[in-house]
Amino acid sequence: MSLKPLFSLMRDGRLSPLLGVGAGLTSFYKITWLAAAGECGLLGRLSAGPATFDSLAEFFAASGQGCEALEAWLQMGVRLKLLSLSPRGYTLRGLAKALALPENDATLAMVEEVSGLHHKLIAATLPKLRGGQLWTLADQDGELIARSSRILEAFQAELIRNTFPARGALTSGAGRLPAEDELVTQLRQAGYGAVKTNNLLPGDRFVAFQAFRA
């Protein structure tokens, strides 16, 4: 194989950007594939063990050319080292196997949130601005965010314990909540007179709160 194209790319300064982009593509494909596998139920289906192609085709209601598309999609998982293929069928591998475990559901939800919501926010914000539109809470998946937020539970609990010493009847919580003043108003309307809040993550509406009955 001739090295002239390579030398041409180097000489023109195009090789370094090409390699830089290429280095990130595998991670992008992995995150996207894992999110899709989680959302469509493949991780749950394979968590019990290997499955043949025919059983997966039935699971996804694929037939005809749909079977070809399904096989290509599964083979991408094999190339990304997230699936393995043996005479017994397809088996989860590596990160896909880990994310299929119930105790890692929060991490899987974070992957799905990054692939869906975060990608949408990055890719579609400027077109929305040109159209005079802004994102709203309706554009978010509250259930998914609640699942992914659990990844910080241990840190949240420790911070809440250290920040708010327990006393009397109280309620507490943490997560992506309304603006701080709105949250305080809602708690006071519910009968909690003494309300303390603390931002857990700078620049983000990720708030811990503790409120005491008046």
N, C-alpha and C. Protein backbone atom coordinates (compact mmCIF):
# COMPACT_ATOMS: atom_id res chain seq x y z
N MET A 1 0.84 -1.21 0.00
CA MET A 1 0.00 0.00 0.00
C MET A 1 0.87 1.25 0.00
N SER A 2 0.57 2.19 -0.86
CA SER A 2 1.36 3.41 -0.96
C SER A 2 1.13 4.31 0.25
N LEU A 3 2.23 4.92 0.72
CA LEU A 3 2.15 5.84 1.85
C LEU A 3 1.98 7.29 1.41
N LYS A 4 1.86 7.51 0.11
CA LYS A 4 1.73 8.88 -0.39
C LYS A 4 0.52 9.61 0.19
N PRO A 5 -0.67 8.96 0.26
CA PRO A 5 -1.82 9.68 0.85
C PRO A 5 -1.55 10.12 2.29
N LEU A 6 -0.85 9.25 3.05
CA LEU A 6 -0.54 9.59 4.43
C LEU A 6 0.39 10.80 4.51
N PHE A 7 1.42 10.78 3.67
CA PHE A 7 2.35 11.90 3.66
C PHE A 7 1.67 13.19 3.20
N SER A 8 0.72 13.04 2.28
CA SER A 8 -0.02 14.21 1.80
C SER A 8 -0.85 14.81 2.92
N LEU A 9 -1.50 13.95 3.71
CA LEU A 9 -2.29 14.44 4.84
C LEU A 9 -1.41 15.12 5.88
N MET A 10 -0.23 14.56 6.13
CA MET A 10 0.70 15.15 7.08
C MET A 10 1.18 16.51 6.59
N ARG A 11 1.52 16.58 5.34
CA ARG A 11 2.05 17.82 4.76
C ARG A 11 1.01 18.94 4.77
N ASP A 12 -0.24 18.58 4.55
CA ASP A 12 -1.30 19.58 4.50
C ASP A 12 -1.88 19.91 5.87
N GLY A 13 -1.40 19.25 6.92
CA GLY A 13 -1.90 19.50 8.26
C GLY A 13 -3.25 18.89 8.54
N ARG A 14 -3.65 17.90 7.75
CA ARG A 14 -4.96 17.28 7.93
C ARG A 14 -4.91 16.01 8.75
N LEU A 15 -3.73 15.45 8.96
CA LEU A 15 -3.63 14.16 9.65
C LEU A 15 -3.96 14.28 11.14
N SER A 16 -3.44 15.31 11.80
CA SER A 16 -3.65 15.45 13.23
C SER A 16 -5.13 15.62 13.59
N PRO A 17 -5.88 16.51 12.90
CA PRO A 17 -7.32 16.60 13.20
C PRO A 17 -8.05 15.28 12.93
N LEU A 18 -7.65 14.59 11.86
CA LEU A 18 -8.30 13.32 11.53
C LEU A 18 -8.09 12.29 12.63
N LEU A 19 -6.86 12.20 13.13
CA LEU A 19 -6.57 11.26 14.20
C LEU A 19 -7.28 11.66 15.49
N GLY A 20 -7.36 12.96 15.75
CA GLY A 20 -8.03 13.44 16.96
C GLY A 20 -9.50 13.10 16.97
N VAL A 21 -10.16 13.29 15.84
CA VAL A 21 -11.58 12.94 15.74
C VAL A 21 -11.76 11.43 15.82
N GLY A 22 -10.91 10.71 15.13
CA GLY A 22 -11.01 9.25 15.12
C GLY A 22 -10.87 8.65 16.51
N ALA A 23 -10.04 9.26 17.35
CA ALA A 23 -9.83 8.74 18.70
C ALA A 23 -11.09 8.81 19.54
N GLY A 24 -11.97 9.76 19.25
CA GLY A 24 -13.19 9.90 20.03
C GLY A 24 -14.38 9.14 19.48
N LEU A 25 -14.27 8.65 18.25
CA LEU A 25 -15.43 8.00 17.62
C LEU A 25 -15.83 6.71 18.32
N THR A 26 -14.84 5.91 18.72
CA THR A 26 -15.17 4.63 19.36
C THR A 26 -15.95 4.85 20.64
N SER A 27 -15.53 5.82 21.45
CA SER A 27 -16.26 6.12 22.69
C SER A 27 -17.67 6.59 22.39
N PHE A 28 -17.82 7.42 21.34
CA PHE A 28 -19.16 7.91 20.96
C PHE A 28 -20.04 6.75 20.54
N TYR A 29 -19.50 5.86 19.71
CA TYR A 29 -20.28 4.71 19.24
C TYR A 29 -20.65 3.80 20.42
N LYS A 30 -19.74 3.61 21.36
CA LYS A 30 -20.02 2.75 22.50
C LYS A 30 -21.15 3.31 23.36
N ILE A 31 -21.07 4.59 23.67
CA ILE A 31 -22.11 5.22 24.49
C ILE A 31 -23.46 5.13 23.79
N THR A 32 -23.48 5.43 22.50
CA THR A 32 -24.73 5.40 21.73
C THR A 32 -25.30 3.99 21.67
N TRP A 33 -24.44 3.01 21.42
CA TRP A 33 -24.89 1.62 21.31
C TRP A 33 -25.40 1.12 22.66
N LEU A 34 -24.68 1.41 23.73
CA LEU A 34 -25.09 0.97 25.06
C LEU A 34 -26.44 1.58 25.46
N ALA A 35 -26.61 2.87 25.16
CA ALA A 35 -27.87 3.52 25.48
C ALA A 35 -29.03 2.86 24.73
N ALA A 36 -28.83 2.59 23.45
CA ALA A 36 -29.87 1.94 22.66
C ALA A 36 -30.15 0.54 23.17
N ALA A 37 -29.10 -0.19 23.53
CA ALA A 37 -29.28 -1.56 24.03
C ALA A 37 -30.04 -1.56 25.35
N GLY A 38 -29.79 -0.54 26.17
CA GLY A 38 -30.52 -0.46 27.44
C GLY A 38 -31.97 -0.08 27.23
N GLU A 39 -32.20 0.92 26.39
CA GLU A 39 -33.56 1.42 26.17
C GLU A 39 -34.46 0.40 25.49
N CYS A 40 -33.90 -0.37 24.56
CA CYS A 40 -34.72 -1.31 23.79
C CYS A 40 -34.89 -2.65 24.49
N GLY A 41 -34.18 -2.86 25.61
CA GLY A 41 -34.35 -4.09 26.36
C GLY A 41 -33.36 -5.19 26.07
N LEU A 42 -32.37 -4.93 25.22
CA LEU A 42 -31.42 -5.98 24.88
C LEU A 42 -30.55 -6.36 26.09
N LEU A 43 -30.12 -5.37 26.86
CA LEU A 43 -29.29 -5.69 28.03
C LEU A 43 -30.05 -6.57 29.00
N GLY A 44 -31.32 -6.25 29.22
CA GLY A 44 -32.13 -7.08 30.09
C GLY A 44 -32.34 -8.47 29.52
N ARG A 45 -32.54 -8.55 28.21
CA ARG A 45 -32.77 -9.85 27.56
C ARG A 45 -31.55 -10.75 27.68
N LEU A 46 -30.36 -10.18 27.52
CA LEU A 46 -29.14 -10.99 27.54
C LEU A 46 -28.54 -11.13 28.94
N SER A 47 -29.10 -10.44 29.92
CA SER A 47 -28.54 -10.53 31.27
C SER A 47 -28.70 -11.93 31.84
N ALA A 48 -29.69 -12.68 31.34
CA ALA A 48 -29.92 -14.04 31.82
C ALA A 48 -29.02 -15.06 31.14
N GLY A 49 -28.32 -14.66 30.08
CA GLY A 49 -27.44 -15.58 29.37
C GLY A 49 -27.51 -15.41 27.87
N PRO A 50 -26.80 -16.23 27.13
CA PRO A 50 -26.74 -16.11 25.67
C PRO A 50 -28.11 -16.27 25.02
N ALA A 51 -28.25 -15.65 23.85
CA ALA A 51 -29.49 -15.78 23.08
C ALA A 51 -29.12 -15.94 21.62
N THR A 52 -29.80 -16.83 20.93
CA THR A 52 -29.53 -17.04 19.51
C THR A 52 -30.07 -15.87 18.70
N PHE A 53 -29.58 -15.77 17.47
CA PHE A 53 -30.06 -14.69 16.61
C PHE A 53 -31.56 -14.83 16.37
N ASP A 54 -32.04 -16.04 16.14
CA ASP A 54 -33.46 -16.24 15.86
C ASP A 54 -34.33 -15.77 17.03
N SER A 55 -33.88 -16.05 18.25
CA SER A 55 -34.66 -15.63 19.42
C SER A 55 -34.66 -14.12 19.55
N LEU A 56 -33.54 -13.48 19.20
CA LEU A 56 -33.48 -12.02 19.26
C LEU A 56 -34.33 -11.39 18.15
N ALA A 57 -34.34 -12.03 16.98
CA ALA A 57 -35.17 -11.54 15.89
C ALA A 57 -36.64 -11.59 16.30
N GLU A 58 -37.01 -12.66 16.99
CA GLU A 58 -38.39 -12.76 17.48
C GLU A 58 -38.66 -11.70 18.55
N PHE A 59 -37.67 -11.47 19.42
CA PHE A 59 -37.81 -10.50 20.51
C PHE A 59 -38.05 -9.10 19.96
N PHE A 60 -37.36 -8.78 18.85
CA PHE A 60 -37.48 -7.43 18.26
C PHE A 60 -38.45 -7.41 17.07
N ALA A 61 -39.18 -8.50 16.87
CA ALA A 61 -40.17 -8.59 15.80
C ALA A 61 -39.56 -8.25 14.45
N ALA A 62 -38.34 -8.74 14.20
CA ALA A 62 -37.65 -8.47 12.94
C ALA A 62 -37.86 -9.62 11.96
N SER A 63 -38.11 -9.27 10.72
CA SER A 63 -38.27 -10.28 9.68
C SER A 63 -37.79 -9.71 8.36
N GLY A 64 -37.49 -10.59 7.41
CA GLY A 64 -37.04 -10.14 6.09
C GLY A 64 -35.79 -9.27 6.19
N GLN A 65 -35.83 -8.11 5.54
CA GLN A 65 -34.70 -7.20 5.59
C GLN A 65 -34.44 -6.67 7.00
N GLY A 66 -35.47 -6.71 7.85
CA GLY A 66 -35.28 -6.30 9.23
C GLY A 66 -34.28 -7.19 9.95
N CYS A 67 -34.23 -8.47 9.59
CA CYS A 67 -33.26 -9.39 10.18
C CYS A 67 -31.84 -9.00 9.77
N GLU A 68 -31.68 -8.55 8.54
CA GLU A 68 -30.36 -8.10 8.09
C GLU A 68 -29.92 -6.87 8.87
N ALA A 69 -30.85 -5.96 9.09
CA ALA A 69 -30.53 -4.75 9.84
C ALA A 69 -30.19 -5.10 11.29
N LEU A 70 -30.96 -6.02 11.88
CA LEU A 70 -30.69 -6.44 13.25
C LEU A 70 -29.32 -7.09 13.37
N GLU A 71 -28.98 -7.95 12.42
CA GLU A 71 -27.67 -8.62 12.45
C GLU A 71 -26.54 -7.60 12.34
N ALA A 72 -26.70 -6.60 11.47
CA ALA A 72 -25.68 -5.56 11.34
C ALA A 72 -25.53 -4.79 12.64
N TRP A 73 -26.65 -4.51 13.30
CA TRP A 73 -26.60 -3.77 14.56
C TRP A 73 -25.92 -4.59 15.65
N LEU A 74 -26.23 -5.87 15.72
CA LEU A 74 -25.60 -6.75 16.70
C LEU A 74 -24.11 -6.91 16.42
N GLN A 75 -23.75 -7.00 15.14
CA GLN A 75 -22.34 -7.12 14.78
C GLN A 75 -21.55 -5.87 15.17
N MET A 76 -22.21 -4.72 15.15
CA MET A 76 -21.54 -3.51 15.62
C MET A 76 -21.20 -3.66 17.10
N GLY A 77 -22.11 -4.25 17.88
CA GLY A 77 -21.83 -4.51 19.28
C GLY A 77 -20.65 -5.44 19.46
N VAL A 78 -20.53 -6.42 18.57
CA VAL A 78 -19.39 -7.34 18.61
C VAL A 78 -18.10 -6.59 18.32
N ARG A 79 -18.11 -5.73 17.29
CA ARG A 79 -16.90 -4.97 16.93
C ARG A 79 -16.50 -4.00 18.03
N LEU A 80 -17.48 -3.48 18.75
CA LEU A 80 -17.19 -2.56 19.85
C LEU A 80 -16.80 -3.30 21.13
N LYS A 81 -16.76 -4.64 21.06
CA LYS A 81 -16.40 -5.49 22.20
C LYS A 81 -17.39 -5.35 23.35
N LEU A 82 -18.66 -5.18 22.98
CA LEU A 82 -19.74 -5.14 23.96
C LEU A 82 -20.60 -6.39 23.88
N LEU A 83 -20.43 -7.16 22.81
CA LEU A 83 -21.08 -8.44 22.63
C LEU A 83 -20.05 -9.46 22.16
N SER A 84 -20.31 -10.71 22.46
CA SER A 84 -19.51 -11.79 21.87
C SER A 84 -20.48 -12.76 21.20
N LEU A 85 -20.01 -13.43 20.16
CA LEU A 85 -20.84 -14.36 19.41
C LEU A 85 -20.19 -15.73 19.42
N SER A 86 -20.96 -16.73 19.83
CA SER A 86 -20.48 -18.11 19.88
C SER A 86 -21.58 -19.02 19.34
N PRO A 87 -21.33 -20.31 19.24
CA PRO A 87 -22.40 -21.22 18.80
C PRO A 87 -23.65 -21.15 19.67
N ARG A 88 -23.52 -20.67 20.92
CA ARG A 88 -24.68 -20.54 21.82
C ARG A 88 -25.47 -19.27 21.54
N GLY A 89 -24.88 -18.34 20.79
CA GLY A 89 -25.57 -17.11 20.46
C GLY A 89 -24.81 -15.89 20.93
N TYR A 90 -25.52 -14.79 21.09
CA TYR A 90 -24.91 -13.53 21.51
C TYR A 90 -24.88 -13.44 23.04
N THR A 91 -23.75 -12.94 23.56
CA THR A 91 -23.56 -12.80 25.00
C THR A 91 -23.04 -11.41 25.30
N LEU A 92 -23.49 -10.83 26.41
CA LEU A 92 -22.97 -9.53 26.83
C LEU A 92 -21.51 -9.65 27.21
N ARG A 93 -20.78 -8.55 26.98
CA ARG A 93 -19.35 -8.56 27.23
C ARG A 93 -18.91 -7.20 27.77
N GLY A 94 -17.90 -7.19 28.60
CA GLY A 94 -17.30 -5.95 29.05
C GLY A 94 -18.28 -5.01 29.72
N LEU A 95 -18.28 -3.76 29.26
CA LEU A 95 -19.11 -2.73 29.87
C LEU A 95 -20.59 -3.04 29.74
N ALA A 96 -21.00 -3.64 28.66
CA ALA A 96 -22.41 -4.00 28.48
C ALA A 96 -22.85 -5.00 29.54
N LYS A 97 -22.00 -5.96 29.86
CA LYS A 97 -22.31 -6.96 30.89
C LYS A 97 -22.44 -6.30 32.26
N ALA A 98 -21.55 -5.34 32.54
CA ALA A 98 -21.60 -4.64 33.83
C ALA A 98 -22.85 -3.78 33.95
N LEU A 99 -23.22 -3.08 32.89
CA LEU A 99 -24.37 -2.18 32.95
C LEU A 99 -25.70 -2.93 32.99
N ALA A 100 -25.69 -4.21 32.67
CA ALA A 100 -26.92 -5.00 32.73
C ALA A 100 -27.25 -5.41 34.16
N LEU A 101 -26.30 -5.24 35.10
CA LEU A 101 -26.55 -5.61 36.49
C LEU A 101 -27.47 -4.58 37.15
N PRO A 102 -28.42 -5.02 37.96
CA PRO A 102 -29.36 -4.10 38.61
C PRO A 102 -28.66 -3.01 39.42
N GLU A 103 -27.55 -3.34 40.07
CA GLU A 103 -26.87 -2.35 40.90
C GLU A 103 -26.21 -1.24 40.08
N ASN A 104 -26.12 -1.43 38.77
CA ASN A 104 -25.53 -0.41 37.91
C ASN A 104 -26.57 0.32 37.07
N ASP A 105 -27.83 0.22 37.48
CA ASP A 105 -28.90 0.88 36.71
C ASP A 105 -28.72 2.39 36.64
N ALA A 106 -28.22 3.01 37.73
CA ALA A 106 -28.03 4.46 37.71
C ALA A 106 -26.98 4.86 36.66
N THR A 107 -25.94 4.05 36.54
CA THR A 107 -24.92 4.34 35.53
C THR A 107 -25.48 4.14 34.13
N LEU A 108 -26.26 3.09 33.95
CA LEU A 108 -26.91 2.87 32.65
C LEU A 108 -27.82 4.04 32.31
N ALA A 109 -28.57 4.53 33.29
CA ALA A 109 -29.45 5.67 33.07
C ALA A 109 -28.65 6.91 32.68
N MET A 110 -27.48 7.08 33.28
CA MET A 110 -26.62 8.21 32.92
C MET A 110 -26.17 8.10 31.47
N VAL A 111 -25.84 6.88 31.04
CA VAL A 111 -25.47 6.65 29.64
C VAL A 111 -26.62 7.01 28.71
N GLU A 112 -27.84 6.58 29.08
CA GLU A 112 -29.01 6.89 28.27
C GLU A 112 -29.29 8.39 28.25
N GLU A 113 -29.07 9.05 29.38
CA GLU A 113 -29.30 10.49 29.46
C GLU A 113 -28.31 11.25 28.60
N VAL A 114 -27.05 10.82 28.63
CA VAL A 114 -26.02 11.48 27.81
C VAL A 114 -26.32 11.29 26.33
N SER A 115 -26.66 10.07 25.96
CA SER A 115 -26.91 9.77 24.55
C SER A 115 -28.17 10.46 24.03
N GLY A 116 -29.16 10.62 24.89
CA GLY A 116 -30.42 11.22 24.46
C GLY A 116 -30.50 12.70 24.76
N LEU A 117 -30.73 13.04 26.02
CA LEU A 117 -30.96 14.43 26.41
C LEU A 117 -29.74 15.31 26.16
N HIS A 118 -28.58 14.89 26.63
CA HIS A 118 -27.39 15.73 26.49
C HIS A 118 -27.03 15.95 25.03
N HIS A 119 -27.12 14.88 24.24
CA HIS A 119 -26.85 15.02 22.80
C HIS A 119 -27.82 15.99 22.16
N LYS A 120 -29.09 15.89 22.56
CA LYS A 120 -30.10 16.79 22.00
C LYS A 120 -29.83 18.24 22.40
N LEU A 121 -29.44 18.45 23.66
CA LEU A 121 -29.16 19.82 24.11
C LEU A 121 -27.99 20.43 23.36
N ILE A 122 -26.97 19.62 23.11
CA ILE A 122 -25.79 20.13 22.39
C ILE A 122 -26.10 20.36 20.92
N ALA A 123 -26.78 19.39 20.30
CA ALA A 123 -26.98 19.44 18.86
C ALA A 123 -28.11 20.38 18.43
N ALA A 124 -29.12 20.56 19.27
CA ALA A 124 -30.32 21.28 18.82
C ALA A 124 -30.54 22.63 19.49
N THR A 125 -29.66 23.05 20.41
CA THR A 125 -29.87 24.32 21.08
C THR A 125 -29.81 25.50 20.12
N LEU A 126 -28.79 25.56 19.29
CA LEU A 126 -28.64 26.70 18.39
C LEU A 126 -29.77 26.79 17.36
N PRO A 127 -30.19 25.65 16.73
CA PRO A 127 -31.37 25.74 15.86
C PRO A 127 -32.62 26.23 16.58
N LYS A 128 -32.80 25.82 17.86
CA LYS A 128 -33.96 26.27 18.61
C LYS A 128 -33.87 27.78 18.86
N LEU A 129 -32.67 28.26 19.19
CA LEU A 129 -32.49 29.70 19.42
C LEU A 129 -32.81 30.50 18.17
N ARG A 130 -32.39 30.00 17.02
CA ARG A 130 -32.69 30.69 15.75
C ARG A 130 -34.20 30.77 15.52
N GLY A 131 -34.91 29.77 16.06
CA GLY A 131 -36.37 29.77 15.90
C GLY A 131 -37.08 30.47 17.04
N GLY A 132 -36.31 31.12 17.92
CA GLY A 132 -36.92 31.84 19.04
C GLY A 132 -37.46 30.94 20.12
N GLN A 133 -36.91 29.74 20.25
CA GLN A 133 -37.41 28.78 21.23
C GLN A 133 -36.36 28.49 22.29
N LEU A 134 -36.83 28.03 23.44
CA LEU A 134 -35.96 27.61 24.53
C LEU A 134 -36.41 26.22 25.00
N TRP A 135 -35.50 25.54 25.68
CA TRP A 135 -35.85 24.25 26.25
C TRP A 135 -36.75 24.44 27.47
N THR A 136 -37.62 23.49 27.71
CA THR A 136 -38.50 23.52 28.88
C THR A 136 -38.37 22.19 29.62
N LEU A 137 -38.99 22.11 30.79
CA LEU A 137 -38.98 20.87 31.55
C LEU A 137 -39.65 19.74 30.78
N ALA A 138 -40.55 20.08 29.88
CA ALA A 138 -41.24 19.06 29.09
C ALA A 138 -40.28 18.35 28.14
N ASP A 139 -39.14 18.96 27.86
CA ASP A 139 -38.14 18.34 26.98
C ASP A 139 -37.29 17.32 27.72
N GLN A 140 -37.44 17.22 29.03
CA GLN A 140 -36.64 16.30 29.82
C GLN A 140 -37.44 15.07 30.20
N ASP A 141 -36.73 13.99 30.41
CA ASP A 141 -37.35 12.74 30.86
C ASP A 141 -37.12 12.64 32.37
N GLY A 142 -38.14 13.01 33.15
CA GLY A 142 -38.00 13.06 34.59
C GLY A 142 -37.64 11.71 35.20
N GLU A 143 -38.23 10.64 34.69
CA GLU A 143 -37.95 9.30 35.23
C GLU A 143 -36.49 8.92 34.98
N LEU A 144 -36.01 9.22 33.77
CA LEU A 144 -34.61 8.90 33.44
C LEU A 144 -33.65 9.70 34.30
N ILE A 145 -33.93 10.99 34.49
CA ILE A 145 -33.07 11.85 35.31
C ILE A 145 -33.08 11.37 36.75
N ALA A 146 -34.24 10.93 37.24
CA ALA A 146 -34.32 10.41 38.60
C ALA A 146 -33.46 9.15 38.75
N ARG A 147 -33.48 8.30 37.74
CA ARG A 147 -32.65 7.08 37.78
C ARG A 147 -31.17 7.43 37.77
N SER A 148 -30.78 8.33 36.88
CA SER A 148 -29.35 8.67 36.78
C SER A 148 -28.86 9.44 38.00
N SER A 149 -29.75 10.21 38.64
CA SER A 149 -29.36 10.98 39.81
C SER A 149 -28.97 10.09 40.98
N ARG A 150 -29.43 8.86 40.97
CA ARG A 150 -29.12 7.94 42.07
C ARG A 150 -27.64 7.60 42.13
N ILE A 151 -26.91 7.89 41.06
CA ILE A 151 -25.48 7.58 41.05
C ILE A 151 -24.73 8.36 42.12
N LEU A 152 -25.33 9.50 42.54
CA LEU A 152 -24.68 10.35 43.55
C LEU A 152 -25.29 10.17 44.94
N GLU A 153 -26.12 9.14 45.12
CA GLU A 153 -26.84 8.98 46.38
C GLU A 153 -25.91 8.96 47.59
N ALA A 154 -24.82 8.18 47.51
CA ALA A 154 -23.93 8.05 48.66
C ALA A 154 -23.31 9.40 49.01
N PHE A 155 -22.92 10.16 47.97
CA PHE A 155 -22.31 11.47 48.21
C PHE A 155 -23.35 12.46 48.74
N GLN A 156 -24.57 12.38 48.18
CA GLN A 156 -25.64 13.27 48.64
C GLN A 156 -25.95 13.03 50.12
N ALA A 157 -26.08 11.75 50.49
CA ALA A 157 -26.44 11.43 51.86
C ALA A 157 -25.38 11.93 52.84
N GLU A 158 -24.10 11.73 52.48
CA GLU A 158 -23.03 12.18 53.36
C GLU A 158 -23.01 13.69 53.48
N LEU A 159 -23.20 14.39 52.36
CA LEU A 159 -23.20 15.85 52.39
C LEU A 159 -24.37 16.39 53.20
N ILE A 160 -25.54 15.76 53.04
CA ILE A 160 -26.71 16.20 53.79
C ILE A 160 -26.48 16.00 55.28
N ARG A 161 -25.91 14.86 55.65
CA ARG A 161 -25.65 14.60 57.08
C ARG A 161 -24.67 15.62 57.65
N ASN A 162 -23.65 15.98 56.86
CA ASN A 162 -22.65 16.92 57.35
C ASN A 162 -23.14 18.36 57.34
N THR A 163 -24.02 18.68 56.39
CA THR A 163 -24.48 20.06 56.23
C THR A 163 -25.64 20.39 57.13
N PHE A 164 -26.56 19.43 57.30
CA PHE A 164 -27.77 19.67 58.06
C PHE A 164 -27.87 18.71 59.24
N PRO A 165 -27.47 19.11 60.45
CA PRO A 165 -27.62 18.22 61.61
C PRO A 165 -29.08 17.93 61.88
N ALA A 166 -29.39 16.69 62.12
CA ALA A 166 -30.79 16.27 62.28
C ALA A 166 -31.35 16.79 63.60
N ARG A 167 -32.59 17.29 63.53
CA ARG A 167 -33.27 17.69 64.76
C ARG A 167 -34.77 17.77 64.45
N GLY A 168 -35.56 17.18 65.32
CA GLY A 168 -37.01 17.27 65.17
C GLY A 168 -37.53 16.53 63.95
N ALA A 169 -38.81 16.79 63.66
CA ALA A 169 -39.45 16.19 62.51
C ALA A 169 -38.98 16.90 61.25
N LEU A 170 -38.47 16.13 60.28
CA LEU A 170 -37.92 16.78 59.10
C LEU A 170 -38.23 15.98 57.85
N THR A 171 -38.04 16.63 56.72
CA THR A 171 -38.06 15.96 55.43
C THR A 171 -36.82 16.40 54.70
N SER A 172 -36.29 15.56 53.85
CA SER A 172 -35.08 15.92 53.13
C SER A 172 -35.10 15.26 51.77
N GLY A 173 -34.22 15.72 50.90
CA GLY A 173 -34.13 15.15 49.57
C GLY A 173 -33.01 15.79 48.79
N ALA A 174 -32.78 15.28 47.60
CA ALA A 174 -31.75 15.84 46.74
C ALA A 174 -32.05 15.48 45.31
N GLY A 175 -31.62 16.32 44.39
CA GLY A 175 -31.84 16.04 42.98
C GLY A 175 -31.96 17.30 42.18
N ARG A 176 -32.31 17.15 40.89
CA ARG A 176 -32.51 18.32 40.03
C ARG A 176 -33.89 18.86 40.34
N LEU A 177 -33.91 19.88 41.16
CA LEU A 177 -35.15 20.42 41.71
C LEU A 177 -35.46 21.79 41.12
N PRO A 178 -36.62 22.38 41.47
CA PRO A 178 -36.92 23.72 40.99
C PRO A 178 -35.89 24.72 41.50
N ALA A 179 -35.96 25.95 41.00
CA ALA A 179 -35.07 27.00 41.49
C ALA A 179 -35.21 27.09 43.00
N GLU A 180 -34.13 27.52 43.67
CA GLU A 180 -34.08 27.45 45.13
C GLU A 180 -35.22 28.21 45.79
N ASP A 181 -35.52 29.43 45.32
CA ASP A 181 -36.59 30.21 45.94
C ASP A 181 -37.94 29.52 45.74
N GLU A 182 -38.15 28.91 44.59
CA GLU A 182 -39.41 28.19 44.33
C GLU A 182 -39.52 26.98 45.23
N LEU A 183 -38.40 26.26 45.42
CA LEU A 183 -38.40 25.09 46.28
C LEU A 183 -38.75 25.47 47.72
N VAL A 184 -38.14 26.54 48.23
CA VAL A 184 -38.40 26.99 49.60
C VAL A 184 -39.87 27.36 49.76
N THR A 185 -40.42 28.07 48.78
CA THR A 185 -41.83 28.47 48.83
C THR A 185 -42.74 27.25 48.89
N GLN A 186 -42.45 26.24 48.05
CA GLN A 186 -43.27 25.04 48.03
C GLN A 186 -43.23 24.31 49.36
N LEU A 187 -42.04 24.22 49.97
CA LEU A 187 -41.92 23.52 51.24
C LEU A 187 -42.65 24.27 52.36
N ARG A 188 -42.56 25.60 52.35
CA ARG A 188 -43.23 26.37 53.38
C ARG A 188 -44.75 26.29 53.24
N GLN A 189 -45.21 26.25 51.99
CA GLN A 189 -46.64 26.09 51.77
C GLN A 189 -47.13 24.74 52.25
N ALA A 190 -46.22 23.75 52.27
CA ALA A 190 -46.57 22.41 52.74
C ALA A 190 -46.48 22.29 54.26
N GLY A 191 -46.12 23.39 54.93
CA GLY A 191 -46.11 23.38 56.38
C GLY A 191 -44.76 23.29 57.03
N TYR A 192 -43.71 23.39 56.22
CA TYR A 192 -42.36 23.35 56.76
C TYR A 192 -41.85 24.78 56.92
N GLY A 193 -41.67 25.21 58.17
CA GLY A 193 -41.30 26.60 58.41
C GLY A 193 -39.83 26.88 58.30
N ALA A 194 -38.98 25.94 58.75
CA ALA A 194 -37.53 26.14 58.71
C ALA A 194 -36.96 25.31 57.58
N VAL A 195 -36.49 25.98 56.56
CA VAL A 195 -36.00 25.29 55.36
C VAL A 195 -34.55 25.68 55.12
N LYS A 196 -33.70 24.68 54.93
CA LYS A 196 -32.31 24.93 54.57
C LYS A 196 -32.03 24.23 53.25
N THR A 197 -31.29 24.90 52.38
CA THR A 197 -30.92 24.30 51.10
C THR A 197 -29.43 24.47 50.87
N ASN A 198 -28.89 23.63 50.02
CA ASN A 198 -27.48 23.72 49.71
C ASN A 198 -27.25 23.20 48.30
N ASN A 199 -26.56 23.98 47.46
CA ASN A 199 -26.24 23.53 46.10
C ASN A 199 -25.15 22.48 46.16
N LEU A 200 -25.45 21.31 45.59
CA LEU A 200 -24.47 20.23 45.61
C LEU A 200 -23.44 20.36 44.51
N LEU A 201 -23.88 20.84 43.35
CA LEU A 201 -22.98 20.96 42.22
C LEU A 201 -23.00 22.39 41.70
N PRO A 202 -21.87 23.08 41.69
CA PRO A 202 -21.83 24.46 41.20
C PRO A 202 -22.33 24.55 39.76
N GLY A 203 -23.14 25.58 39.50
CA GLY A 203 -23.62 25.79 38.14
C GLY A 203 -24.74 24.87 37.73
N ASP A 204 -25.27 24.08 38.67
CA ASP A 204 -26.32 23.14 38.31
C ASP A 204 -27.42 23.23 39.36
N ARG A 205 -28.66 23.04 38.96
CA ARG A 205 -29.77 23.03 39.92
C ARG A 205 -29.86 21.65 40.58
N PHE A 206 -28.80 21.26 41.22
CA PHE A 206 -28.77 19.99 41.94
C PHE A 206 -28.70 20.35 43.40
N VAL A 207 -29.84 20.35 44.07
CA VAL A 207 -29.97 20.95 45.40
C VAL A 207 -30.31 19.90 46.44
N ALA A 208 -29.66 19.99 47.59
CA ALA A 208 -30.07 19.21 48.75
C ALA A 208 -30.90 20.11 49.64
N PHE A 209 -31.90 19.55 50.30
CA PHE A 209 -32.71 20.37 51.18
C PHE A 209 -33.08 19.59 52.43
N GLN A 210 -33.31 20.32 53.49
CA GLN A 210 -33.82 19.74 54.72
C GLN A 210 -34.81 20.76 55.30
N ALA A 211 -36.00 20.30 55.65
CA ALA A 211 -37.04 21.20 56.13
C ALA A 211 -37.65 20.65 57.40
N PHE A 212 -37.96 21.54 58.35
CA PHE A 212 -38.51 21.15 59.64
C PHE A 212 -39.93 21.69 59.77
N ARG A 213 -40.78 20.88 60.37
CA ARG A 213 -42.15 21.30 60.62
C ARG A 213 -42.17 22.47 61.57
N ALA A 214 -42.98 23.47 61.23
CA ALA A 214 -43.09 24.65 62.09
C ALA A 214 -43.80 24.29 63.39
